[in-house]
C-alpha atoms as a PDB file:
ATOM      1  CA  MET A   1      -4.299  11.638  -1.291  1.00  0.00           C
ATOM      2  CA  THR A   2      -6.604  12.787  -3.977  1.00  0.00           C
ATOM      3  CA  THR A   3      -5.057  14.393  -7.015  1.00  0.00           C
ATOM      4  CA  TYR A   4      -6.198  17.908  -6.061  1.00  0.00           C
ATOM      5  CA  ALA A   5      -4.909  17.631  -2.498  1.00  0.00           C
ATOM      6  CA  LYS A   6      -1.590  16.283  -3.732  1.00  0.00           C
ATOM      7  CA  ALA A   7      -1.205  19.083  -6.289  1.00  0.00           C
ATOM      8  CA  ALA A   8      -2.140  21.750  -3.747  1.00  0.00           C
ATOM      9  CA  ALA A   9       0.329  20.388  -1.197  1.00  0.00           C
ATOM     10  CA  LYS A  10       3.134  20.341  -3.763  1.00  0.00           C
ATOM     11  CA  GLU A  11       2.331  23.890  -4.872  1.00  0.00           C
ATOM     12  CA  LYS A  12       2.442  25.157  -1.297  1.00  0.00           C
ATOM     13  CA  GLU A  13       5.624  23.141  -0.737  1.00  0.00           C
ATOM     14  CA  LEU A  14       4.062  21.212   2.131  1.00  0.00           C
ATOM     15  CA  ILE A  15       5.447  17.922   0.845  1.00  0.00           C
ATOM     16  CA  VAL A  16       8.840  17.315  -0.649  1.00  0.00           C
ATOM     17  CA  ALA A  17       8.524  13.720  -1.808  1.00  0.00           C
ATOM     18  CA  GLU A  18       5.603  11.341  -1.917  1.00  0.00           C
ATOM     19  CA  ASP A  19       5.872   8.289   0.333  1.00  0.00           C
ATOM     20  CA  LYS A  20       5.073   5.114  -1.598  1.00  0.00           C
ATOM     21  CA  LYS A  21       5.870   2.647   1.198  1.00  0.00           C
ATOM     22  CA  SER A  22       2.945   0.527   2.316  1.00  0.00           C
ATOM     23  CA  LEU A  23       2.062  -3.027   3.222  1.00  0.00           C
ATOM     24  CA  ILE A  24      -0.177  -3.536   0.223  1.00  0.00           C
ATOM     25  CA  GLY A  25      -0.450  -1.421  -2.898  1.00  0.00           C
ATOM     26  CA  ARG A  26      -3.324  -0.547  -5.182  1.00  0.00           C
ATOM     27  CA  THR A  27      -2.450  -3.272  -7.672  1.00  0.00           C
ATOM     28  CA  GLU A  28      -2.339  -5.959  -5.002  1.00  0.00           C
ATOM     29  CA  ARG A  29      -5.692  -4.811  -3.607  1.00  0.00           C
ATOM     30  CA  LEU A  30      -7.265  -5.033  -7.053  1.00  0.00           C
ATOM     31  CA  ILE A  31      -5.888  -8.541  -7.576  1.00  0.00           C
ATOM     32  CA  ILE A  32      -7.265  -9.629  -4.198  1.00  0.00           C
ATOM     33  CA  ILE A  33     -10.676  -8.130  -5.042  1.00  0.00           C
ATOM     34  CA  LEU A  34     -10.664  -9.967  -8.370  1.00  0.00           C
ATOM     35  CA  PHE A  35      -9.820 -13.183  -6.543  1.00  0.00           C
ATOM     36  CA  ALA A  36     -12.703 -12.513  -4.121  1.00  0.00           C
ATOM     37  CA  ILE A  37     -15.116 -12.026  -7.023  1.00  0.00           C
ATOM     38  CA  ILE A  38     -14.030 -15.318  -8.541  1.00  0.00           C
ATOM     39  CA  ALA A  39     -14.240 -17.076  -5.148  1.00  0.00           C
ATOM     40  CA  CYS A  40     -17.777 -15.754  -4.693  1.00  0.00           C
ATOM     41  CA  ASN A  41     -18.956 -18.217  -7.341  1.00  0.00           C
ATOM     42  CA  TYR A  42     -17.710 -21.144  -5.251  1.00  0.00           C
ATOM     43  CA  ASN A  43     -18.062 -20.173  -1.599  1.00  0.00           C
ATOM     44  CA  PHE A  44     -19.560 -16.905  -0.382  1.00  0.00           C
ATOM     45  CA  LEU A  45     -18.108 -17.296   3.118  1.00  0.00           C
ATOM     46  CA  PHE A  46     -14.594 -17.496   1.658  1.00  0.00           C
ATOM     47  CA  THR A  47     -15.283 -14.209  -0.126  1.00  0.00           C
ATOM     48  CA  ILE A  48     -16.223 -12.566   3.164  1.00  0.00           C
ATOM     49  CA  TYR A  49     -12.939 -13.749   4.699  1.00  0.00           C
ATOM     50  CA  ILE A  50     -10.972 -12.320   1.775  1.00  0.00           C
ATOM     51  CA  ILE A  51     -12.707  -8.946   2.017  1.00  0.00           C
ATOM     52  CA  ALA A  52     -12.228  -8.842   5.812  1.00  0.00           C
ATOM     53  CA  PHE A  53      -8.523  -9.602   5.333  1.00  0.00           C
ATOM     54  CA  LEU A  54      -8.298  -6.856   2.729  1.00  0.00           C
ATOM     55  CA  ALA A  55      -9.972  -4.364   5.067  1.00  0.00           C
ATOM     56  CA  VAL A  56      -7.576  -5.138   7.917  1.00  0.00           C
ATOM     57  CA  VAL A  57      -4.450  -5.016   5.754  1.00  0.00           C
ATOM     58  CA  SER A  58      -5.543  -1.790   4.043  1.00  0.00           C
ATOM     59  CA  ASN A  59      -6.101  -0.092   7.397  1.00  0.00           C
ATOM     60  CA  LEU A  60      -2.749  -1.329   8.703  1.00  0.00           C
ATOM     61  CA  SER A  61      -1.134   0.020   5.565  1.00  0.00           C
ATOM     62  CA  ALA A  62      -2.715   3.432   6.121  1.00  0.00           C
ATOM     63  CA  ILE A  63      -1.601   3.471   9.749  1.00  0.00           C
ATOM     64  CA  CYS A  64       1.966   2.588   8.701  1.00  0.00           C
ATOM     65  CA  ARG A  65       1.994   5.475   6.210  1.00  0.00           C
ATOM     66  CA  ILE A  66       0.701   7.904   8.834  1.00  0.00           C
ATOM     67  CA  VAL A  67       3.296   6.802  11.409  1.00  0.00           C
ATOM     68  CA  THR A  68       6.106   6.969   8.840  1.00  0.00           C
ATOM     69  CA  ASN A  69       5.129  10.480   7.761  1.00  0.00           C
ATOM     70  CA  LEU A  70       4.770  11.689  11.347  1.00  0.00           C
ATOM     71  CA  GLN A  71       8.249  10.408  12.135  1.00  0.00           C
ATOM     72  CA  LYS A  72       9.666  12.332   9.166  1.00  0.00           C
ATOM     73  CA  ALA A  73       8.035  15.574  10.312  1.00  0.00           C
END
């Protein structure tokens, strides 16, 4: 959620606690992107594989958060 949406939801008491569970966090994504940038100097195809992996895992993480929050509701 963006900061404004999160603040508005808390003010309207739509959310009680923020769910931090996910497959891959922001820090891990940044480390993987840094690794992809470094790998780009050696093999561009390897960089594409890393970014494709990151896209799949990030989407799975979002789906897991959605399912978890729908089960709580």
